[in-house]
């Protein structure tokens, strides 16, 4: 598997980012489509609205969120395969808007891709 990076969407593009993929279901606040013109928005791979709202970035819910989102990813093989094909072509940076760099959907998605 090629290089797979995680980055907050508000951070500037870096030389080694490769293909940048936004993995949020909602468009990031304060950014225009022009700001992210070079980004692929794969919102179908984001956690379901119900799961995202339930989690609410509450640290005590992280382990359950992790397991539930993993199960959601297992149920969408075609969407996961679309991302996997991008990763096989070269470096990919998964972009997320959450403030917590260790407890967000991009972390689960990275782990899922690496495990498969």
PDB file of N, CA and C in Angstrom:
ATOM      1  N   UNK A   1       0.849  -1.187   0.000  1.00  0.00           N
ATOM      2  CA  UNK A   1       0.000   0.000   0.000  1.00  0.00           C
ATOM      3  C   UNK A   1       0.886   1.238   0.000  1.00  0.00           C
ATOM      4  N   UNK A   2       0.513   2.181  -0.813  1.00  0.00           N
ATOM      5  CA  UNK A   2       1.260   3.440  -0.889  1.00  0.00           C
ATOM      6  C   UNK A   2       1.111   4.213   0.423  1.00  0.00           C
ATOM      7  N   UNK A   3       1.799   5.302   0.503  1.00  0.00           N
ATOM      8  CA  UNK A   3       1.773   6.153   1.686  1.00  0.00           C
ATOM      9  C   UNK A   3       0.372   6.699   1.934  1.00  0.00           C
ATOM     10  N   UNK A   4      -0.083   6.586   3.189  1.00  0.00           N
ATOM     11  CA  UNK A   4      -1.406   7.053   3.582  1.00  0.00           C
ATOM     12  C   UNK A   4      -1.241   8.001   4.762  1.00  0.00           C
ATOM     13  N   UNK A   5      -1.603   9.266   4.529  1.00  0.00           N
ATOM     14  CA  UNK A   5      -1.420  10.299   5.544  1.00  0.00           C
ATOM     15  C   UNK A   5      -2.759  10.824   6.026  1.00  0.00           C
ATOM     16  N   UNK A   6      -2.753  11.429   7.198  1.00  0.00           N
ATOM     17  CA  UNK A   6      -3.928  12.105   7.751  1.00  0.00           C
ATOM     18  C   UNK A   6      -3.576  13.552   7.977  1.00  0.00           C
ATOM     19  N   UNK A   7      -4.546  14.430   7.710  1.00  0.00           N
ATOM     20  CA  UNK A   7      -4.286  15.854   7.896  1.00  0.00           C
ATOM     21  C   UNK A   7      -5.608  16.574   8.097  1.00  0.00           C
ATOM     22  N   UNK A   8      -5.576  17.557   8.962  1.00  0.00           N
ATOM     23  CA  UNK A   8      -6.752  18.396   9.145  1.00  0.00           C
ATOM     24  C   UNK A   8      -6.923  19.227   7.875  1.00  0.00           C
ATOM     25  N   UNK A   9      -8.137  19.333   7.405  1.00  0.00           N
ATOM     26  CA  UNK A   9      -8.424  19.988   6.131  1.00  0.00           C
ATOM     27  C   UNK A   9      -7.996  21.451   6.115  1.00  0.00           C
ATOM     28  N   UNK A  10      -7.867  22.057   7.265  1.00  0.00           N
ATOM     29  CA  UNK A  10      -7.494  23.478   7.350  1.00  0.00           C
ATOM     30  C   UNK A  10      -5.983  23.693   7.231  1.00  0.00           C
ATOM     31  N   UNK A  11      -5.210  22.620   7.252  1.00  0.00           N
ATOM     32  CA  UNK A  11      -3.761  22.740   7.078  1.00  0.00           C
ATOM     33  C   UNK A  11      -3.451  22.920   5.593  1.00  0.00           C
ATOM     34  N   UNK A  12      -2.408  23.672   5.277  1.00  0.00           N
ATOM     35  CA  UNK A  12      -2.083  23.888   3.856  1.00  0.00           C
ATOM     36  C   UNK A  12      -1.563  22.622   3.181  1.00  0.00           C
ATOM     37  N   UNK A  13      -1.724  22.587   1.886  1.00  0.00           N
ATOM     38  CA  UNK A  13      -1.200  21.474   1.093  1.00  0.00           C
ATOM     39  C   UNK A  13       0.310  21.411   1.262  1.00  0.00           C
ATOM     40  N   UNK A  14       0.826  20.196   1.325  1.00  0.00           N
ATOM     41  CA  UNK A  14       2.273  19.978   1.403  1.00  0.00           C
ATOM     42  C   UNK A  14       2.714  19.191   0.170  1.00  0.00           C
ATOM     43  N   UNK A  15       3.960  19.273  -0.123  1.00  0.00           N
ATOM     44  CA  UNK A  15       4.508  18.623  -1.326  1.00  0.00           C
ATOM     45  C   UNK A  15       4.213  17.120  -1.351  1.00  0.00           C
ATOM     46  N   UNK A  16       4.301  16.446  -0.231  1.00  0.00           N
ATOM     47  CA  UNK A  16       4.129  14.993  -0.199  1.00  0.00           C
ATOM     48  C   UNK A  16       2.712  14.506   0.013  1.00  0.00           C
ATOM     49  N   UNK A  17       1.730  15.402  -0.036  1.00  0.00           N
ATOM     50  CA  UNK A  17       0.342  15.002   0.220  1.00  0.00           C
ATOM     51  C   UNK A  17      -0.214  14.014  -0.804  1.00  0.00           C
ATOM     52  N   UNK A  18       0.206  14.120  -2.023  1.00  0.00           N
ATOM     53  CA  UNK A  18      -0.358  13.261  -3.060  1.00  0.00           C
ATOM     54  C   UNK A  18      -1.805  13.627  -3.317  1.00  0.00           C
ATOM     55  N   UNK A  19      -2.624  12.622  -3.556  1.00  0.00           N
ATOM     56  CA  UNK A  19      -4.051  12.840  -3.768  1.00  0.00           C
ATOM     57  C   UNK A  19      -4.699  13.154  -2.429  1.00  0.00           C
ATOM     58  N   UNK A  20      -5.435  14.253  -2.394  1.00  0.00           N
ATOM     59  CA  UNK A  20      -6.080  14.670  -1.144  1.00  0.00           C
ATOM     60  C   UNK A  20      -7.557  14.312  -1.220  1.00  0.00           C
ATOM     61  N   UNK A  21      -8.031  13.592  -0.171  1.00  0.00           N
ATOM     62  CA  UNK A  21      -9.401  13.092  -0.150  1.00  0.00           C
ATOM     63  C   UNK A  21     -10.082  13.548   1.137  1.00  0.00           C
ATOM     64  N   UNK A  22     -11.150  14.319   0.983  1.00  0.00           N
ATOM     65  CA  UNK A  22     -11.940  14.761   2.130  1.00  0.00           C
ATOM     66  C   UNK A  22     -12.886  13.634   2.520  1.00  0.00           C
ATOM     67  N   UNK A  23     -12.820  13.192   3.780  1.00  0.00           N
ATOM     68  CA  UNK A  23     -13.611  12.052   4.234  1.00  0.00           C
ATOM     69  C   UNK A  23     -14.662  12.463   5.270  1.00  0.00           C
ATOM     70  N   UNK A  24     -15.117  13.696   5.201  1.00  0.00           N
ATOM     71  CA  UNK A  24     -16.197  14.204   6.054  1.00  0.00           C
ATOM     72  C   UNK A  24     -17.513  14.145   5.286  1.00  0.00           C
ATOM     73  N   UNK A  25     -18.612  13.926   5.998  1.00  0.00           N
ATOM     74  CA  UNK A  25     -19.924  13.938   5.358  1.00  0.00           C
ATOM     75  C   UNK A  25     -20.395  15.366   5.088  1.00  0.00           C
ATOM     76  N   UNK A  26     -19.975  16.307   5.943  1.00  0.00           N
ATOM     77  CA  UNK A  26     -20.349  17.710   5.782  1.00  0.00           C
ATOM     78  C   UNK A  26     -19.166  18.509   5.255  1.00  0.00           C
ATOM     79  N   UNK A  27     -19.450  19.525   4.453  1.00  0.00           N
ATOM     80  CA  UNK A  27     -18.387  20.390   3.950  1.00  0.00           C
ATOM     81  C   UNK A  27     -17.791  21.172   5.117  1.00  0.00           C
ATOM     82  N   UNK A  28     -16.471  21.313   5.180  1.00  0.00           N
ATOM     83  CA  UNK A  28     -15.819  22.013   6.297  1.00  0.00           C
ATOM     84  C   UNK A  28     -16.203  23.490   6.376  1.00  0.00           C
ATOM     85  N   UNK A  29     -16.504  23.917   7.568  1.00  0.00           N
ATOM     86  CA  UNK A  29     -16.878  25.317   7.789  1.00  0.00           C
ATOM     87  C   UNK A  29     -15.747  26.254   7.412  1.00  0.00           C
ATOM     88  N   UNK A  30     -16.136  27.360   6.796  1.00  0.00           N
ATOM     89  CA  UNK A  30     -15.172  28.411   6.492  1.00  0.00           C
ATOM     90  C   UNK A  30     -14.345  28.190   5.241  1.00  0.00           C
ATOM     91  N   UNK A  31     -14.552  27.082   4.550  1.00  0.00           N
ATOM     92  CA  UNK A  31     -13.792  26.814   3.327  1.00  0.00           C
ATOM     93  C   UNK A  31     -14.739  26.793   2.137  1.00  0.00           C
ATOM     94  N   UNK A  32     -14.289  27.368   1.052  1.00  0.00           N
ATOM     95  CA  UNK A  32     -15.102  27.364  -0.165  1.00  0.00           C
ATOM     96  C   UNK A  32     -14.681  26.199  -1.054  1.00  0.00           C
ATOM     97  N   UNK A  33     -15.489  25.923  -2.037  1.00  0.00           N
ATOM     98  CA  UNK A  33     -15.150  24.869  -3.010  1.00  0.00           C
ATOM     99  C   UNK A  33     -13.844  25.221  -3.727  1.00  0.00           C
ATOM    100  N   UNK A  34     -13.613  26.516  -3.940  1.00  0.00           N
ATOM    101  CA  UNK A  34     -12.373  26.946  -4.593  1.00  0.00           C
ATOM    102  C   UNK A  34     -11.152  26.683  -3.700  1.00  0.00           C
ATOM    103  N   UNK A  35     -11.334  26.817  -2.385  1.00  0.00           N
ATOM    104  CA  UNK A  35     -10.235  26.546  -1.450  1.00  0.00           C
ATOM    105  C   UNK A  35      -9.753  25.102  -1.565  1.00  0.00           C
ATOM    106  N   UNK A  36     -10.671  24.219  -1.897  1.00  0.00           N
ATOM    107  CA  UNK A  36     -10.348  22.791  -1.962  1.00  0.00           C
ATOM    108  C   UNK A  36     -10.566  22.240  -3.370  1.00  0.00           C
ATOM    109  N   UNK A  37     -10.255  23.035  -4.352  1.00  0.00           N
ATOM    110  CA  UNK A  37     -10.492  22.650  -5.747  1.00  0.00           C
ATOM    111  C   UNK A  37      -9.728  21.389  -6.150  1.00  0.00           C
ATOM    112  N   UNK A  38      -8.616  21.118  -5.508  1.00  0.00           N
ATOM    113  CA  UNK A  38      -7.801  19.955  -5.857  1.00  0.00           C
ATOM    114  C   UNK A  38      -8.146  18.717  -5.028  1.00  0.00           C
ATOM    115  N   UNK A  39      -9.206  18.782  -4.248  1.00  0.00           N
ATOM    116  CA  UNK A  39      -9.565  17.713  -3.309  1.00  0.00           C
ATOM    117  C   UNK A  39     -10.704  16.870  -3.867  1.00  0.00           C
ATOM    118  N   UNK A  40     -10.612  15.565  -3.657  1.00  0.00           N
ATOM    119  CA  UNK A  40     -11.717  14.658  -3.973  1.00  0.00           C
ATOM    120  C   UNK A  40     -12.563  14.535  -2.707  1.00  0.00           C
ATOM    121  N   UNK A  41     -13.847  14.825  -2.823  1.00  0.00           N
ATOM    122  CA  UNK A  41     -14.732  14.724  -1.659  1.00  0.00           C
ATOM    123  C   UNK A  41     -15.461  13.386  -1.734  1.00  0.00           C
ATOM    124  N   UNK A  42     -15.073  12.481  -0.867  1.00  0.00           N
ATOM    125  CA  UNK A  42     -15.664  11.141  -0.843  1.00  0.00           C
ATOM    126  C   UNK A  42     -16.569  11.030   0.387  1.00  0.00           C
ATOM    127  N   UNK A  43     -17.654  11.796   0.364  1.00  0.00           N
ATOM    128  CA  UNK A  43     -18.500  11.867   1.557  1.00  0.00           C
ATOM    129  C   UNK A  43     -19.238  10.565   1.823  1.00  0.00           C
ATOM    130  N   UNK A  44     -19.391   9.708   0.829  1.00  0.00           N
ATOM    131  CA  UNK A  44     -20.063   8.424   1.035  1.00  0.00           C
ATOM    132  C   UNK A  44     -19.296   7.512   1.989  1.00  0.00           C
ATOM    133  N   UNK A  45     -18.006   7.754   2.147  1.00  0.00           N
ATOM    134  CA  UNK A  45     -17.204   6.900   3.018  1.00  0.00           C
ATOM    135  C   UNK A  45     -17.196   7.400   4.464  1.00  0.00           C
ATOM    136  N   UNK A  46     -17.753   8.560   4.689  1.00  0.00           N
ATOM    137  CA  UNK A  46     -17.808   9.129   6.041  1.00  0.00           C
ATOM    138  C   UNK A  46     -18.789   8.339   6.901  1.00  0.00           C
ATOM    139  N   UNK A  47     -18.664   8.470   8.217  1.00  0.00           N
ATOM    140  CA  UNK A  47     -19.636   7.805   9.097  1.00  0.00           C
ATOM    141  C   UNK A  47     -21.054   8.304   8.800  1.00  0.00           C
ATOM    142  N   UNK A  48     -22.014   7.455   9.054  1.00  0.00           N
ATOM    143  CA  UNK A  48     -23.409   7.853   8.848  1.00  0.00           C
ATOM    144  C   UNK A  48     -23.737   9.069   9.709  1.00  0.00           C
ATOM    145  N   UNK A  49     -24.731   9.800   9.295  1.00  0.00           N
ATOM    146  CA  UNK A  49     -25.138  10.984  10.052  1.00  0.00           C
ATOM    147  C   UNK A  49     -25.506  10.606  11.482  1.00  0.00           C
ATOM    148  N   UNK A  50     -26.251   9.518  11.644  1.00  0.00           N
ATOM    149  CA  UNK A  50     -26.656   9.096  12.991  1.00  0.00           C
ATOM    150  C   UNK A  50     -25.438   8.782  13.856  1.00  0.00           C
ATOM    151  N   UNK A  51     -24.461   8.080  13.317  1.00  0.00           N
ATOM    152  CA  UNK A  51     -23.264   7.732  14.090  1.00  0.00           C
ATOM    153  C   UNK A  51     -22.447   8.981  14.407  1.00  0.00           C
ATOM    154  N   UNK A  52     -22.293   9.837  13.435  1.00  0.00           N
ATOM    155  CA  UNK A  52     -21.533  11.071  13.646  1.00  0.00           C
ATOM    156  C   UNK A  52     -22.168  11.921  14.737  1.00  0.00           C
ATOM    157  N   UNK A  53     -23.469  12.070  14.680  1.00  0.00           N
ATOM    158  CA  UNK A  53     -24.154  12.878  15.680  1.00  0.00           C
ATOM    159  C   UNK A  53     -24.097  12.228  17.060  1.00  0.00           C
ATOM    160  N   UNK A  54     -24.225  10.913  17.116  1.00  0.00           N
ATOM    161  CA  UNK A  54     -24.144  10.209  18.397  1.00  0.00           C
ATOM    162  C   UNK A  54     -22.757  10.393  19.018  1.00  0.00           C
ATOM    163  N   UNK A  55     -21.710  10.245  18.217  1.00  0.00           N
ATOM    164  CA  UNK A  55     -20.338  10.369  18.717  1.00  0.00           C
ATOM    165  C   UNK A  55     -20.083  11.772  19.243  1.00  0.00           C
ATOM    166  N   UNK A  56     -20.380  12.778  18.465  1.00  0.00           N
ATOM    167  CA  UNK A  56     -20.206  14.155  18.891  1.00  0.00           C
ATOM    168  C   UNK A  56     -18.814  14.485  19.403  1.00  0.00           C
ATOM    169  N   UNK A  57     -17.822  13.708  19.002  1.00  0.00           N
ATOM    170  CA  UNK A  57     -16.420  13.875  19.411  1.00  0.00           C
ATOM    171  C   UNK A  57     -16.263  13.819  20.927  1.00  0.00           C
ATOM    172  N   UNK A  58     -17.100  13.003  21.536  1.00  0.00           N
ATOM    173  CA  UNK A  58     -17.035  12.774  22.982  1.00  0.00           C
ATOM    174  C   UNK A  58     -16.010  11.667  23.237  1.00  0.00           C
ATOM    175  N   UNK A  59     -14.873  11.994  23.882  1.00  0.00           N
ATOM    176  CA  UNK A  59     -13.806  11.004  24.070  1.00  0.00           C
ATOM    177  C   UNK A  59     -14.268   9.687  24.704  1.00  0.00           C
ATOM    178  N   UNK A  60     -15.218   9.741  25.600  1.00  0.00           N
ATOM    179  CA  UNK A  60     -15.681   8.514  26.259  1.00  0.00           C
ATOM    180  C   UNK A  60     -16.416   7.576  25.299  1.00  0.00           C
ATOM    181  N   UNK A  61     -16.831   8.069  24.143  1.00  0.00           N
ATOM    182  CA  UNK A  61     -17.548   7.256  23.164  1.00  0.00           C
ATOM    183  C   UNK A  61     -16.641   6.749  22.041  1.00  0.00           C
ATOM    184  N   UNK A  62     -15.360   7.064  22.111  1.00  0.00           N
ATOM    185  CA  UNK A  62     -14.438   6.756  21.016  1.00  0.00           C
ATOM    186  C   UNK A  62     -14.399   5.279  20.665  1.00  0.00           C
ATOM    187  N   UNK A  63     -14.233   4.399  21.633  1.00  0.00           N
ATOM    188  CA  UNK A  63     -14.079   2.970  21.316  1.00  0.00           C
ATOM    189  C   UNK A  63     -15.340   2.407  20.655  1.00  0.00           C
ATOM    190  N   UNK A  64     -16.506   2.850  21.095  1.00  0.00           N
ATOM    191  CA  UNK A  64     -17.749   2.380  20.476  1.00  0.00           C
ATOM    192  C   UNK A  64     -17.883   2.979  19.074  1.00  0.00           C
ATOM    193  N   UNK A  65     -17.566   4.250  18.923  1.00  0.00           N
ATOM    194  CA  UNK A  65     -17.593   4.892  17.604  1.00  0.00           C
ATOM    195  C   UNK A  65     -16.669   4.140  16.646  1.00  0.00           C
ATOM    196  N   UNK A  66     -15.467   3.843  17.107  1.00  0.00           N
ATOM    197  CA  UNK A  66     -14.473   3.142  16.294  1.00  0.00           C
ATOM    198  C   UNK A  66     -15.067   1.830  15.768  1.00  0.00           C
ATOM    199  N   UNK A  67     -15.637   1.034  16.656  1.00  0.00           N
ATOM    200  CA  UNK A  67     -16.196  -0.263  16.271  1.00  0.00           C
ATOM    201  C   UNK A  67     -17.402  -0.112  15.338  1.00  0.00           C
ATOM    202  N   UNK A  68     -18.259   0.843  15.621  1.00  0.00           N
ATOM    203  CA  UNK A  68     -19.448   1.033  14.780  1.00  0.00           C
ATOM    204  C   UNK A  68     -19.084   1.556  13.391  1.00  0.00           C
ATOM    205  N   UNK A  69     -18.133   2.466  13.338  1.00  0.00           N
ATOM    206  CA  UNK A  69     -17.719   2.976  12.026  1.00  0.00           C
ATOM    207  C   UNK A  69     -17.013   1.878  11.235  1.00  0.00           C
ATOM    208  N   UNK A  70     -16.205   1.063  11.905  1.00  0.00           N
ATOM    209  CA  UNK A  70     -15.539  -0.069  11.247  1.00  0.00           C
ATOM    210  C   UNK A  70     -16.606  -0.962  10.601  1.00  0.00           C
ATOM    211  N   UNK A  71     -17.686  -1.234  11.340  1.00  0.00           N
ATOM    212  CA  UNK A  71     -18.775  -2.059  10.808  1.00  0.00           C
ATOM    213  C   UNK A  71     -19.430  -1.380   9.604  1.00  0.00           C
ATOM    214  N   UNK A  72     -19.597  -0.067   9.662  1.00  0.00           N
ATOM    215  CA  UNK A  72     -20.148   0.648   8.512  1.00  0.00           C
ATOM    216  C   UNK A  72     -19.228   0.514   7.303  1.00  0.00           C
ATOM    217  N   UNK A  73     -17.933   0.597   7.522  1.00  0.00           N
ATOM    218  CA  UNK A  73     -16.981   0.465   6.413  1.00  0.00           C
ATOM    219  C   UNK A  73     -17.048  -0.934   5.797  1.00  0.00           C
ATOM    220  N   UNK A  74     -17.211  -1.943   6.630  1.00  0.00           N
ATOM    221  CA  UNK A  74     -17.333  -3.310   6.108  1.00  0.00           C
ATOM    222  C   UNK A  74     -18.569  -3.469   5.235  1.00  0.00           C
ATOM    223  N   UNK A  75     -19.591  -2.663   5.492  1.00  0.00           N
ATOM    224  CA  UNK A  75     -20.849  -2.756   4.753  1.00  0.00           C
ATOM    225  C   UNK A  75     -20.848  -1.942   3.458  1.00  0.00           C
ATOM    226  N   UNK A  76     -19.728  -1.268   3.147  1.00  0.00           N
ATOM    227  CA  UNK A  76     -19.660  -0.474   1.911  1.00  0.00           C
ATOM    228  C   UNK A  76     -18.407  -0.814   1.104  1.00  0.00           C
ATOM    229  N   UNK A  77     -18.297  -2.061   0.671  1.00  0.00           N
ATOM    230  CA  UNK A  77     -17.069  -2.488  -0.018  1.00  0.00           C
ATOM    231  C   UNK A  77     -16.760  -1.721  -1.298  1.00  0.00           C
ATOM    232  N   UNK A  78     -17.776  -1.302  -2.040  1.00  0.00           N
ATOM    233  CA  UNK A  78     -17.516  -0.586  -3.294  1.00  0.00           C
ATOM    234  C   UNK A  78     -16.897   0.785  -3.045  1.00  0.00           C
ATOM    235  N   UNK A  79     -17.384   1.475  -2.029  1.00  0.00           N
ATOM    236  CA  UNK A  79     -16.842   2.793  -1.705  1.00  0.00           C
ATOM    237  C   UNK A  79     -15.429   2.667  -1.167  1.00  0.00           C
ATOM    238  N   UNK A  80     -15.202   1.672  -0.317  1.00  0.00           N
ATOM    239  CA  UNK A  80     -13.860   1.436   0.224  1.00  0.00           C
ATOM    240  C   UNK A  80     -12.903   1.084  -0.912  1.00  0.00           C
ATOM    241  N   UNK A  81     -13.374   0.292  -1.858  1.00  0.00           N
ATOM    242  CA  UNK A  81     -12.525  -0.089  -2.999  1.00  0.00           C
ATOM    243  C   UNK A  81     -12.152   1.132  -3.834  1.00  0.00           C
ATOM    244  N   UNK A  82     -13.053   2.072  -3.969  1.00  0.00           N
ATOM    245  CA  UNK A  82     -12.758   3.305  -4.697  1.00  0.00           C
ATOM    246  C   UNK A  82     -11.586   4.037  -4.045  1.00  0.00           C
ATOM    247  N   UNK A  83     -11.587   4.120  -2.727  1.00  0.00           N
ATOM    248  CA  UNK A  83     -10.486   4.768  -2.012  1.00  0.00           C
ATOM    249  C   UNK A  83      -9.219   3.928  -2.092  1.00  0.00           C
ATOM    250  N   UNK A  84      -9.367   2.627  -1.964  1.00  0.00           N
ATOM    251  CA  UNK A  84      -8.203   1.734  -2.035  1.00  0.00           C
ATOM    252  C   UNK A  84      -7.483   1.869  -3.377  1.00  0.00           C
ATOM    253  N   UNK A  85      -8.226   2.034  -4.452  1.00  0.00           N
ATOM    254  CA  UNK A  85      -7.609   2.206  -5.771  1.00  0.00           C
ATOM    255  C   UNK A  85      -6.793   3.492  -5.840  1.00  0.00           C
ATOM    256  N   UNK A  86      -7.273   4.545  -5.208  1.00  0.00           N
ATOM    257  CA  UNK A  86      -6.496   5.787  -5.160  1.00  0.00           C
ATOM    258  C   UNK A  86      -5.198   5.575  -4.395  1.00  0.00           C
ATOM    259  N   UNK A  87      -5.290   4.855  -3.291  1.00  0.00           N
ATOM    260  CA  UNK A  87      -4.112   4.611  -2.452  1.00  0.00           C
ATOM    261  C   UNK A  87      -3.081   3.771  -3.203  1.00  0.00           C
ATOM    262  N   UNK A  88      -3.518   2.831  -4.012  1.00  0.00           N
ATOM    263  CA  UNK A  88      -2.590   1.986  -4.763  1.00  0.00           C
ATOM    264  C   UNK A  88      -1.827   2.764  -5.825  1.00  0.00           C
ATOM    265  N   UNK A  89      -2.375   3.902  -6.268  1.00  0.00           N
ATOM    266  CA  UNK A  89      -1.727   4.700  -7.307  1.00  0.00           C
ATOM    267  C   UNK A  89      -0.632   5.608  -6.772  1.00  0.00           C
ATOM    268  N   UNK A  90      -0.635   5.872  -5.473  1.00  0.00           N
ATOM    269  CA  UNK A  90       0.375   6.773  -4.924  1.00  0.00           C
ATOM    270  C   UNK A  90      -0.060   7.323  -3.589  1.00  0.00           C
ATOM    271  N   UNK A  91       0.687   8.273  -3.059  1.00  0.00           N
ATOM    272  CA  UNK A  91       0.348   8.821  -1.745  1.00  0.00           C
ATOM    273  C   UNK A  91      -1.056   9.427  -1.720  1.00  0.00           C
ATOM    274  N   UNK A  92      -1.746   9.213  -0.604  1.00  0.00           N
ATOM    275  CA  UNK A  92      -3.077   9.775  -0.388  1.00  0.00           C
ATOM    276  C   UNK A  92      -3.095  10.407   0.997  1.00  0.00           C
ATOM    277  N   UNK A  93      -3.674  11.588   1.087  1.00  0.00           N
ATOM    278  CA  UNK A  93      -3.874  12.249   2.372  1.00  0.00           C
ATOM    279  C   UNK A  93      -5.372  12.323   2.631  1.00  0.00           C
ATOM    280  N   UNK A  94      -5.773  11.694   3.747  1.00  0.00           N
ATOM    281  CA  UNK A  94      -7.167  11.747   4.166  1.00  0.00           C
ATOM    282  C   UNK A  94      -7.375  13.027   4.954  1.00  0.00           C
ATOM    283  N   UNK A  95      -8.290  13.856   4.500  1.00  0.00           N
ATOM    284  CA  UNK A  95      -8.556  15.140   5.141  1.00  0.00           C
ATOM    285  C   UNK A  95      -9.815  15.056   5.994  1.00  0.00           C
ATOM    286  N   UNK A  96      -9.736  15.624   7.179  1.00  0.00           N
ATOM    287  CA  UNK A  96     -10.865  15.649   8.111  1.00  0.00           C
ATOM    288  C   UNK A  96     -10.927  17.033   8.741  1.00  0.00           C
ATOM    289  N   UNK A  97     -12.086  17.403   9.275  1.00  0.00           N
ATOM    290  CA  UNK A  97     -12.200  18.729   9.874  1.00  0.00           C
ATOM    291  C   UNK A  97     -12.216  18.699  11.402  1.00  0.00           C
ATOM    292  N   UNK A  98     -12.313  17.541  11.997  1.00  0.00           N
ATOM    293  CA  UNK A  98     -12.348  17.429  13.461  1.00  0.00           C
ATOM    294  C   UNK A  98     -11.095  18.053  14.079  1.00  0.00           C
ATOM    295  N   UNK A  99     -11.262  18.575  15.272  1.00  0.00           N
ATOM    296  CA  UNK A  99     -10.116  19.198  15.951  1.00  0.00           C
ATOM    297  C   UNK A  99      -9.161  18.178  16.557  1.00  0.00           C
ATOM    298  N   UNK A 100      -9.680  17.027  16.935  1.00  0.00           N
ATOM    299  CA  UNK A 100      -8.873  16.009  17.598  1.00  0.00           C
ATOM    300  C   UNK A 100      -8.160  15.148  16.545  1.00  0.00           C
ATOM    301  N   UNK A 101      -6.833  15.191  16.499  1.00  0.00           N
ATOM    302  CA  UNK A 101      -6.109  14.430  15.483  1.00  0.00           C
ATOM    303  C   UNK A 101      -6.023  12.929  15.759  1.00  0.00           C
ATOM    304  N   UNK A 102      -6.429  12.504  16.945  1.00  0.00           N
ATOM    305  CA  UNK A 102      -6.311  11.087  17.302  1.00  0.00           C
ATOM    306  C   UNK A 102      -7.640  10.355  17.389  1.00  0.00           C
ATOM    307  N   UNK A 103      -8.735  11.099  17.492  1.00  0.00           N
ATOM    308  CA  UNK A 103     -10.051  10.476  17.604  1.00  0.00           C
ATOM    309  C   UNK A 103     -11.002  11.090  16.586  1.00  0.00           C
ATOM    310  N   UNK A 104     -10.871  10.636  15.352  1.00  0.00           N
ATOM    311  CA  UNK A 104     -11.743  11.090  14.274  1.00  0.00           C
ATOM    312  C   UNK A 104     -11.872   9.970  13.239  1.00  0.00           C
ATOM    313  N   UNK A 105     -12.814  10.139  12.326  1.00  0.00           N
ATOM    314  CA  UNK A 105     -13.098   9.075  11.369  1.00  0.00           C
ATOM    315  C   UNK A 105     -11.927   8.753  10.454  1.00  0.00           C
ATOM    316  N   UNK A 106     -11.056   9.683  10.169  1.00  0.00           N
ATOM    317  CA  UNK A 106      -9.911   9.411   9.300  1.00  0.00           C
ATOM    318  C   UNK A 106      -8.963   8.402   9.942  1.00  0.00           C
ATOM    319  N   UNK A 107      -8.854   8.419  11.253  1.00  0.00           N
ATOM    320  CA  UNK A 107      -8.019   7.449  11.971  1.00  0.00           C
ATOM    321  C   UNK A 107      -8.584   6.045  11.772  1.00  0.00           C
ATOM    322  N   UNK A 108      -9.893   5.900  11.947  1.00  0.00           N
ATOM    323  CA  UNK A 108     -10.530   4.589  11.769  1.00  0.00           C
ATOM    324  C   UNK A 108     -10.372   4.134  10.321  1.00  0.00           C
ATOM    325  N   UNK A 109     -10.599   5.030   9.397  1.00  0.00           N
ATOM    326  CA  UNK A 109     -10.501   4.699   7.976  1.00  0.00           C
ATOM    327  C   UNK A 109      -9.086   4.266   7.606  1.00  0.00           C
ATOM    328  N   UNK A 110      -8.088   4.990   8.089  1.00  0.00           N
ATOM    329  CA  UNK A 110      -6.692   4.592   7.839  1.00  0.00           C
ATOM    330  C   UNK A 110      -6.421   3.193   8.384  1.00  0.00           C
ATOM    331  N   UNK A 111      -6.839   2.942   9.614  1.00  0.00           N
ATOM    332  CA  UNK A 111      -6.617   1.640  10.229  1.00  0.00           C
ATOM    333  C   UNK A 111      -7.334   0.543   9.447  1.00  0.00           C
ATOM    334  N   UNK A 112      -8.538   0.828   9.003  1.00  0.00           N
ATOM    335  CA  UNK A 112      -9.323  -0.134   8.224  1.00  0.00           C
ATOM    336  C   UNK A 112      -8.600  -0.477   6.925  1.00  0.00           C
ATOM    337  N   UNK A 113      -8.127   0.531   6.215  1.00  0.00           N
ATOM    338  CA  UNK A 113      -7.426   0.289   4.950  1.00  0.00           C
ATOM    339  C   UNK A 113      -6.145  -0.497   5.155  1.00  0.00           C
ATOM    340  N   UNK A 114      -5.430  -0.196   6.205  1.00  0.00           N
ATOM    341  CA  UNK A 114      -4.172  -0.900   6.467  1.00  0.00           C
ATOM    342  C   UNK A 114      -4.412  -2.345   6.877  1.00  0.00           C
ATOM    343  N   UNK A 115      -5.529  -2.612   7.547  1.00  0.00           N
ATOM    344  CA  UNK A 115      -5.835  -3.966   8.003  1.00  0.00           C
ATOM    345  C   UNK A 115      -6.341  -4.864   6.871  1.00  0.00           C
ATOM    346  N   UNK A 116      -6.805  -4.265   5.813  1.00  0.00           N
ATOM    347  CA  UNK A 116      -7.405  -5.051   4.709  1.00  0.00           C
ATOM    348  C   UNK A 116      -6.405  -5.219   3.612  1.00  0.00           C
TER     349      UNK A 116
END
